[in-house]
């Protein structure tokens, strides 16, 4: 079945990339692991408004986590190695791998990441764009014979 474009207004020119990004986000289903929060951090004297993405990654060490930017996606991967020498009588905490991807808007930058008490926090910022106003001259057609 053909999908109707969501951004099909004649006033929205050049938004094909946004539509493709929306398609990618809706197709990438996730099992909800690990859970995460996204919060807006207010502007301070030293920092602009920013976003903090926090994932609950209890049981993962820094070496078992990987954060990368792949095109316009922030991808977080966690890989735990099964410890063969341990013998569990009950195993309620699974050694589990995950991958979470977040689509970033154009211009978003990753400031940094830290891991404290099983919470992986990644700070993001979008620098304020400069307001640019440019006058467009209207050309006059040349008269015939000149």
N, C-alpha and C. Protein backbone atom coordinates (compact mmCIF):
# COMPACT_ATOMS: atom_id res chain seq x y z
N UNK A 1 0.84 -1.17 0.00
CA UNK A 1 0.00 0.00 0.00
C UNK A 1 0.89 1.24 0.00
N UNK A 2 0.60 2.17 -0.86
CA UNK A 2 1.40 3.39 -0.96
C UNK A 2 1.11 4.31 0.21
N UNK A 3 2.15 4.92 0.73
CA UNK A 3 2.00 5.83 1.85
C UNK A 3 1.88 7.25 1.32
N UNK A 4 0.91 7.98 1.84
CA UNK A 4 0.75 9.37 1.44
C UNK A 4 1.79 10.22 2.16
N UNK A 5 2.40 11.16 1.47
CA UNK A 5 3.38 12.01 2.15
C UNK A 5 2.72 12.86 3.23
N UNK A 6 3.40 13.01 4.35
CA UNK A 6 2.84 13.79 5.46
C UNK A 6 3.10 15.27 5.29
N UNK A 7 4.16 15.61 4.60
CA UNK A 7 4.51 17.02 4.42
C UNK A 7 4.23 17.42 2.97
N UNK A 8 2.97 17.30 2.57
CA UNK A 8 2.64 17.50 1.17
C UNK A 8 2.09 18.89 0.87
N UNK A 9 2.28 19.83 1.75
CA UNK A 9 1.82 21.19 1.51
C UNK A 9 2.71 21.86 0.46
N UNK A 10 2.13 22.62 -0.46
CA UNK A 10 2.96 23.30 -1.45
C UNK A 10 3.85 24.39 -0.84
N UNK A 11 3.61 24.76 0.41
CA UNK A 11 4.42 25.78 1.08
C UNK A 11 5.63 25.19 1.79
N UNK A 12 5.71 23.88 1.88
CA UNK A 12 6.84 23.21 2.54
C UNK A 12 7.79 22.69 1.47
N UNK A 13 8.69 23.53 1.03
CA UNK A 13 9.62 23.18 -0.03
C UNK A 13 10.95 22.70 0.55
N UNK A 14 11.44 21.59 0.06
CA UNK A 14 12.75 21.09 0.49
C UNK A 14 12.74 20.36 1.81
N UNK A 15 11.59 19.85 2.24
CA UNK A 15 11.50 19.15 3.51
C UNK A 15 11.52 17.63 3.33
N UNK A 16 12.03 17.17 2.20
CA UNK A 16 12.07 15.73 1.92
C UNK A 16 12.88 14.98 2.98
N UNK A 17 14.00 15.57 3.42
CA UNK A 17 14.86 14.93 4.43
C UNK A 17 14.11 14.73 5.74
N UNK A 18 13.31 15.71 6.12
CA UNK A 18 12.55 15.60 7.37
C UNK A 18 11.54 14.46 7.26
N UNK A 19 10.89 14.36 6.12
CA UNK A 19 9.92 13.28 5.93
C UNK A 19 10.60 11.92 5.99
N UNK A 20 11.78 11.79 5.36
CA UNK A 20 12.52 10.53 5.43
C UNK A 20 12.94 10.23 6.88
N UNK A 21 13.32 11.24 7.61
CA UNK A 21 13.71 11.05 9.01
C UNK A 21 12.52 10.57 9.84
N UNK A 22 11.35 11.16 9.60
CA UNK A 22 10.15 10.72 10.32
C UNK A 22 9.82 9.27 9.99
N UNK A 23 9.98 8.89 8.74
CA UNK A 23 9.75 7.49 8.35
C UNK A 23 10.71 6.56 9.08
N UNK A 24 11.98 6.97 9.15
CA UNK A 24 12.99 6.14 9.81
C UNK A 24 12.67 5.96 11.29
N UNK A 25 12.24 7.03 11.94
CA UNK A 25 11.93 6.96 13.37
C UNK A 25 10.73 6.07 13.62
N UNK A 26 9.70 6.18 12.80
CA UNK A 26 8.50 5.38 13.03
C UNK A 26 8.74 3.90 12.73
N UNK A 27 9.68 3.60 11.83
CA UNK A 27 9.97 2.20 11.50
C UNK A 27 10.86 1.53 12.53
N UNK A 28 11.66 2.29 13.24
CA UNK A 28 12.62 1.68 14.17
C UNK A 28 11.94 1.40 15.50
N UNK A 29 11.24 0.30 15.56
CA UNK A 29 10.59 -0.11 16.81
C UNK A 29 11.63 -0.52 17.82
N UNK A 30 11.31 -0.37 19.08
CA UNK A 30 12.26 -0.72 20.12
C UNK A 30 11.53 -1.46 21.23
N UNK A 31 12.27 -2.29 21.94
CA UNK A 31 11.64 -3.05 23.02
C UNK A 31 11.57 -2.27 24.33
N UNK A 32 12.00 -1.03 24.32
CA UNK A 32 11.91 -0.21 25.52
C UNK A 32 13.09 -0.35 26.47
N UNK A 33 14.12 -1.08 26.06
CA UNK A 33 15.28 -1.26 26.92
C UNK A 33 16.50 -0.62 26.27
N UNK A 34 17.27 0.10 26.98
CA UNK A 34 17.06 0.53 28.36
C UNK A 34 16.11 1.73 28.43
N UNK A 35 15.45 1.89 29.57
CA UNK A 35 14.58 3.06 29.70
C UNK A 35 15.42 4.34 29.71
N UNK A 36 14.79 5.45 29.31
CA UNK A 36 15.54 6.70 29.23
C UNK A 36 14.65 7.89 29.56
N UNK A 37 15.30 8.99 29.90
CA UNK A 37 14.64 10.28 30.12
C UNK A 37 15.28 11.29 29.17
N UNK A 38 14.50 12.30 28.79
CA UNK A 38 15.04 13.44 28.06
C UNK A 38 14.56 14.67 28.82
N UNK A 39 15.51 15.49 29.24
CA UNK A 39 15.14 16.70 29.98
C UNK A 39 15.80 17.92 29.38
N UNK A 40 15.13 19.04 29.53
CA UNK A 40 15.68 20.31 29.07
C UNK A 40 16.37 20.97 30.26
N UNK A 41 17.64 21.34 30.09
CA UNK A 41 18.40 22.00 31.14
C UNK A 41 18.42 23.50 30.83
N UNK A 42 18.11 24.33 31.81
CA UNK A 42 18.05 25.77 31.55
C UNK A 42 19.42 26.38 31.28
N UNK A 43 19.39 27.50 30.62
CA UNK A 43 20.60 28.27 30.32
C UNK A 43 21.24 28.73 31.63
N UNK A 44 22.57 28.65 31.66
CA UNK A 44 23.33 29.17 32.80
C UNK A 44 24.32 30.19 32.26
N UNK A 45 25.12 30.77 33.17
CA UNK A 45 26.12 31.75 32.73
C UNK A 45 27.13 31.15 31.76
N UNK A 46 27.44 29.87 31.95
CA UNK A 46 28.47 29.24 31.12
C UNK A 46 27.92 28.37 29.99
N UNK A 47 26.65 28.02 30.05
CA UNK A 47 26.11 27.08 29.06
C UNK A 47 24.78 27.55 28.50
N UNK A 48 24.55 27.32 27.21
CA UNK A 48 23.24 27.64 26.62
C UNK A 48 22.20 26.60 27.02
N UNK A 49 20.95 26.80 26.62
CA UNK A 49 19.94 25.77 26.82
C UNK A 49 20.45 24.48 26.21
N UNK A 50 20.21 23.36 26.88
CA UNK A 50 20.67 22.09 26.35
C UNK A 50 19.70 20.99 26.75
N UNK A 51 19.87 19.85 26.12
CA UNK A 51 19.07 18.67 26.43
C UNK A 51 19.97 17.64 27.08
N UNK A 52 19.43 16.90 28.03
CA UNK A 52 20.17 15.79 28.64
C UNK A 52 19.37 14.52 28.42
N UNK A 53 20.03 13.57 27.79
CA UNK A 53 19.47 12.25 27.55
C UNK A 53 20.08 11.34 28.60
N UNK A 54 19.25 10.68 29.41
CA UNK A 54 19.75 9.81 30.48
C UNK A 54 19.19 8.41 30.28
N UNK A 55 20.08 7.43 30.17
CA UNK A 55 19.68 6.03 30.01
C UNK A 55 20.04 5.25 31.25
N UNK A 56 19.14 4.38 31.70
CA UNK A 56 19.39 3.51 32.85
C UNK A 56 20.14 2.27 32.35
N UNK A 57 21.45 2.23 32.61
CA UNK A 57 22.30 1.15 32.12
C UNK A 57 23.01 0.43 33.27
N UNK A 58 22.26 0.14 34.32
CA UNK A 58 22.85 -0.54 35.48
C UNK A 58 23.49 -1.85 35.04
N UNK A 59 24.67 -2.12 35.56
CA UNK A 59 25.38 -3.34 35.24
C UNK A 59 26.37 -3.21 34.09
N UNK A 60 26.34 -2.08 33.38
CA UNK A 60 27.27 -1.85 32.28
C UNK A 60 28.42 -0.97 32.77
N UNK A 61 29.63 -1.31 32.33
CA UNK A 61 30.79 -0.47 32.62
C UNK A 61 31.01 0.47 31.44
N UNK A 62 31.89 1.44 31.62
CA UNK A 62 32.23 2.37 30.53
C UNK A 62 32.73 1.61 29.30
N UNK A 63 33.52 0.57 29.53
CA UNK A 63 34.09 -0.20 28.43
C UNK A 63 33.03 -0.97 27.65
N UNK A 64 31.90 -1.25 28.27
CA UNK A 64 30.84 -2.02 27.61
C UNK A 64 29.84 -1.13 26.89
N UNK A 65 30.02 0.18 26.98
CA UNK A 65 29.12 1.13 26.33
C UNK A 65 29.84 1.85 25.21
N UNK A 66 29.11 2.13 24.14
CA UNK A 66 29.68 2.86 23.01
C UNK A 66 28.65 3.89 22.55
N UNK A 67 29.10 5.12 22.36
CA UNK A 67 28.25 6.19 21.86
C UNK A 67 28.87 6.69 20.56
N UNK A 68 28.06 6.77 19.51
CA UNK A 68 28.59 7.25 18.23
C UNK A 68 27.55 8.10 17.52
N UNK A 69 28.05 8.96 16.63
CA UNK A 69 27.19 9.73 15.74
C UNK A 69 27.31 9.10 14.37
N UNK A 70 26.19 8.64 13.84
CA UNK A 70 26.16 8.00 12.53
C UNK A 70 25.18 8.79 11.68
N UNK A 71 25.76 9.59 10.78
CA UNK A 71 24.99 10.55 9.99
C UNK A 71 24.27 11.48 10.97
N UNK A 72 22.97 11.48 11.02
CA UNK A 72 22.27 12.39 11.93
C UNK A 72 21.67 11.64 13.12
N UNK A 73 22.20 10.46 13.41
CA UNK A 73 21.68 9.67 14.53
C UNK A 73 22.71 9.54 15.64
N UNK A 74 22.24 9.69 16.87
CA UNK A 74 23.04 9.39 18.04
C UNK A 74 22.74 7.94 18.39
N UNK A 75 23.75 7.08 18.34
CA UNK A 75 23.55 5.65 18.58
C UNK A 75 24.29 5.25 19.84
N UNK A 76 23.57 4.61 20.76
CA UNK A 76 24.16 4.12 22.01
C UNK A 76 24.04 2.61 22.00
N UNK A 77 25.18 1.94 22.19
CA UNK A 77 25.21 0.48 22.21
C UNK A 77 25.77 0.00 23.54
N UNK A 78 25.21 -1.08 24.03
CA UNK A 78 25.73 -1.73 25.22
C UNK A 78 25.95 -3.19 24.94
N UNK A 79 27.16 -3.69 25.27
CA UNK A 79 27.49 -5.10 25.04
C UNK A 79 28.08 -5.68 26.30
N UNK A 80 27.38 -6.63 26.88
CA UNK A 80 27.91 -7.34 28.04
C UNK A 80 28.34 -8.72 27.60
N UNK A 81 29.47 -9.16 28.11
CA UNK A 81 29.99 -10.48 27.78
C UNK A 81 29.51 -11.46 28.84
N UNK A 82 29.02 -12.58 28.40
CA UNK A 82 28.56 -13.63 29.31
C UNK A 82 29.75 -14.21 30.06
N UNK A 83 29.68 -14.20 31.38
CA UNK A 83 30.77 -14.73 32.20
C UNK A 83 30.53 -16.22 32.42
N UNK A 84 31.32 -17.03 31.75
CA UNK A 84 31.14 -18.48 31.78
C UNK A 84 31.54 -19.11 33.12
N UNK A 85 32.50 -18.47 33.82
CA UNK A 85 33.01 -19.10 35.05
C UNK A 85 32.07 -18.94 36.24
N UNK A 86 31.06 -18.10 36.11
CA UNK A 86 30.12 -17.90 37.22
C UNK A 86 28.97 -18.90 37.11
N UNK A 87 28.58 -19.44 38.26
CA UNK A 87 27.47 -20.39 38.29
C UNK A 87 26.34 -19.77 39.11
N UNK A 88 25.24 -19.48 38.44
CA UNK A 88 24.11 -18.83 39.10
C UNK A 88 23.11 -19.87 39.59
N UNK A 89 22.60 -19.68 40.81
CA UNK A 89 21.50 -20.48 41.31
C UNK A 89 20.17 -19.88 40.84
N UNK A 90 20.18 -18.56 40.69
CA UNK A 90 19.03 -17.85 40.11
C UNK A 90 19.59 -16.70 39.29
N UNK A 91 19.08 -16.49 38.10
CA UNK A 91 19.57 -15.42 37.24
C UNK A 91 18.40 -14.50 36.90
N UNK A 92 18.29 -13.39 37.63
CA UNK A 92 17.23 -12.42 37.39
C UNK A 92 17.73 -11.20 36.64
N UNK A 93 19.05 -11.02 36.61
CA UNK A 93 19.64 -9.89 35.89
C UNK A 93 20.35 -10.46 34.67
N UNK A 94 19.77 -10.24 33.53
CA UNK A 94 20.31 -10.83 32.30
C UNK A 94 21.47 -10.01 31.78
N UNK A 95 22.47 -10.70 31.21
CA UNK A 95 23.53 -10.02 30.46
C UNK A 95 22.93 -9.76 29.09
N UNK A 96 22.66 -8.52 28.81
CA UNK A 96 21.84 -8.17 27.67
C UNK A 96 22.54 -7.12 26.81
N UNK A 97 22.41 -7.23 25.52
CA UNK A 97 22.94 -6.22 24.62
C UNK A 97 21.79 -5.31 24.20
N UNK A 98 22.14 -4.07 23.86
CA UNK A 98 21.11 -3.16 23.37
C UNK A 98 21.70 -2.18 22.40
N UNK A 99 20.81 -1.58 21.65
CA UNK A 99 21.16 -0.46 20.78
C UNK A 99 19.97 0.49 20.77
N UNK A 100 20.24 1.74 21.08
CA UNK A 100 19.22 2.80 21.05
C UNK A 100 19.70 3.87 20.10
N UNK A 101 18.82 4.34 19.24
CA UNK A 101 19.19 5.40 18.30
C UNK A 101 18.22 6.57 18.44
N UNK A 102 18.77 7.76 18.43
CA UNK A 102 17.98 8.99 18.52
C UNK A 102 18.33 9.84 17.32
N UNK A 103 17.35 10.26 16.57
CA UNK A 103 17.56 11.10 15.40
C UNK A 103 17.74 12.53 15.87
N UNK A 104 18.85 13.16 15.48
CA UNK A 104 19.16 14.52 15.91
C UNK A 104 18.81 15.51 14.81
N UNK A 105 18.29 16.65 15.21
CA UNK A 105 18.00 17.72 14.26
C UNK A 105 19.32 18.28 13.74
N UNK A 106 19.25 18.88 12.57
CA UNK A 106 20.44 19.49 11.98
C UNK A 106 20.99 20.55 12.93
N UNK A 107 22.29 20.53 13.13
CA UNK A 107 22.94 21.51 13.99
C UNK A 107 23.11 21.06 15.43
N UNK A 108 22.44 19.97 15.85
CA UNK A 108 22.60 19.49 17.22
C UNK A 108 24.02 18.97 17.41
N UNK A 109 24.58 19.27 18.58
CA UNK A 109 25.94 18.84 18.90
C UNK A 109 25.94 18.10 20.22
N UNK A 110 26.80 17.08 20.31
CA UNK A 110 26.96 16.33 21.55
C UNK A 110 28.05 17.02 22.35
N UNK A 111 27.70 17.48 23.56
CA UNK A 111 28.68 18.15 24.42
C UNK A 111 29.55 17.15 25.17
N UNK A 112 28.96 16.03 25.59
CA UNK A 112 29.72 15.05 26.34
C UNK A 112 28.81 14.03 26.97
N UNK A 113 29.41 13.03 27.61
CA UNK A 113 28.66 11.96 28.25
C UNK A 113 29.37 11.56 29.53
N UNK A 114 28.57 11.09 30.51
CA UNK A 114 29.17 10.52 31.71
C UNK A 114 28.31 9.39 32.24
N UNK A 115 28.93 8.53 33.04
CA UNK A 115 28.27 7.37 33.61
C UNK A 115 28.43 7.44 35.12
N UNK A 116 27.30 7.64 35.83
CA UNK A 116 27.33 7.75 37.28
C UNK A 116 26.18 6.93 37.85
N UNK A 117 26.50 6.02 38.77
CA UNK A 117 25.50 5.20 39.46
C UNK A 117 24.55 4.49 38.51
N UNK A 118 25.08 3.95 37.41
CA UNK A 118 24.25 3.19 36.48
C UNK A 118 23.43 4.03 35.53
N UNK A 119 23.64 5.35 35.53
CA UNK A 119 22.91 6.25 34.63
C UNK A 119 23.90 6.87 33.66
N UNK A 120 23.67 6.65 32.37
CA UNK A 120 24.48 7.24 31.32
C UNK A 120 23.79 8.52 30.87
N UNK A 121 24.47 9.65 31.05
CA UNK A 121 23.91 10.95 30.67
C UNK A 121 24.69 11.51 29.50
N UNK A 122 23.96 11.99 28.50
CA UNK A 122 24.56 12.58 27.30
C UNK A 122 23.94 13.96 27.14
N UNK A 123 24.79 14.99 27.11
CA UNK A 123 24.30 16.37 26.95
C UNK A 123 24.40 16.80 25.50
N UNK A 124 23.33 17.41 25.02
CA UNK A 124 23.22 17.88 23.65
C UNK A 124 22.89 19.36 23.64
N UNK A 125 23.35 20.05 22.62
CA UNK A 125 23.05 21.48 22.50
C UNK A 125 22.83 21.80 21.03
N UNK A 126 21.97 22.77 20.80
CA UNK A 126 21.79 23.32 19.45
C UNK A 126 22.18 24.78 19.53
N UNK A 127 23.31 25.14 18.91
CA UNK A 127 23.72 26.54 18.96
C UNK A 127 22.65 27.43 18.33
N UNK A 128 22.52 28.62 18.90
CA UNK A 128 21.55 29.58 18.37
C UNK A 128 21.94 29.98 16.96
N UNK A 129 21.03 29.84 16.00
CA UNK A 129 21.37 30.25 14.64
C UNK A 129 21.40 31.77 14.53
N UNK A 130 22.27 32.24 13.67
CA UNK A 130 22.32 33.68 13.43
C UNK A 130 21.11 34.07 12.60
N UNK A 131 20.54 35.20 12.93
CA UNK A 131 19.41 35.72 12.14
C UNK A 131 19.99 36.41 10.91
N UNK A 132 19.68 35.86 9.76
CA UNK A 132 20.20 36.41 8.52
C UNK A 132 19.03 36.91 7.69
N UNK A 133 19.10 38.18 7.32
CA UNK A 133 18.10 38.76 6.43
C UNK A 133 18.85 39.23 5.20
N UNK A 134 18.43 38.74 4.06
CA UNK A 134 19.09 39.08 2.81
C UNK A 134 18.06 39.62 1.83
N UNK A 135 18.34 40.74 1.26
CA UNK A 135 17.44 41.34 0.29
C UNK A 135 17.71 40.70 -1.07
N UNK A 136 16.66 40.32 -1.76
CA UNK A 136 16.76 39.73 -3.08
C UNK A 136 16.33 40.79 -4.09
N UNK A 137 17.25 41.15 -4.96
CA UNK A 137 16.93 42.14 -6.00
C UNK A 137 16.06 41.49 -7.08
N UNK A 138 15.16 42.28 -7.60
CA UNK A 138 14.30 41.82 -8.69
C UNK A 138 14.91 42.31 -10.00
N UNK A 139 15.24 41.38 -10.84
CA UNK A 139 15.87 41.72 -12.12
C UNK A 139 14.84 42.34 -13.06
N UNK A 140 15.28 43.28 -13.89
CA UNK A 140 14.41 43.87 -14.89
C UNK A 140 14.77 43.28 -16.24
N UNK A 141 13.77 42.90 -17.01
CA UNK A 141 14.08 42.32 -18.31
C UNK A 141 14.69 43.35 -19.25
N UNK A 142 15.59 42.93 -20.06
CA UNK A 142 16.22 43.85 -21.01
C UNK A 142 15.27 44.12 -22.16
N UNK A 143 15.29 45.35 -22.66
CA UNK A 143 14.42 45.70 -23.78
C UNK A 143 15.01 45.12 -25.07
N UNK A 144 14.13 44.71 -26.00
CA UNK A 144 14.64 44.16 -27.27
C UNK A 144 15.41 45.24 -28.04
N UNK A 145 16.47 44.83 -28.70
CA UNK A 145 17.27 45.73 -29.53
C UNK A 145 18.39 46.42 -28.79
N UNK A 146 18.53 46.18 -27.53
CA UNK A 146 19.63 46.83 -26.78
C UNK A 146 20.79 45.89 -26.64
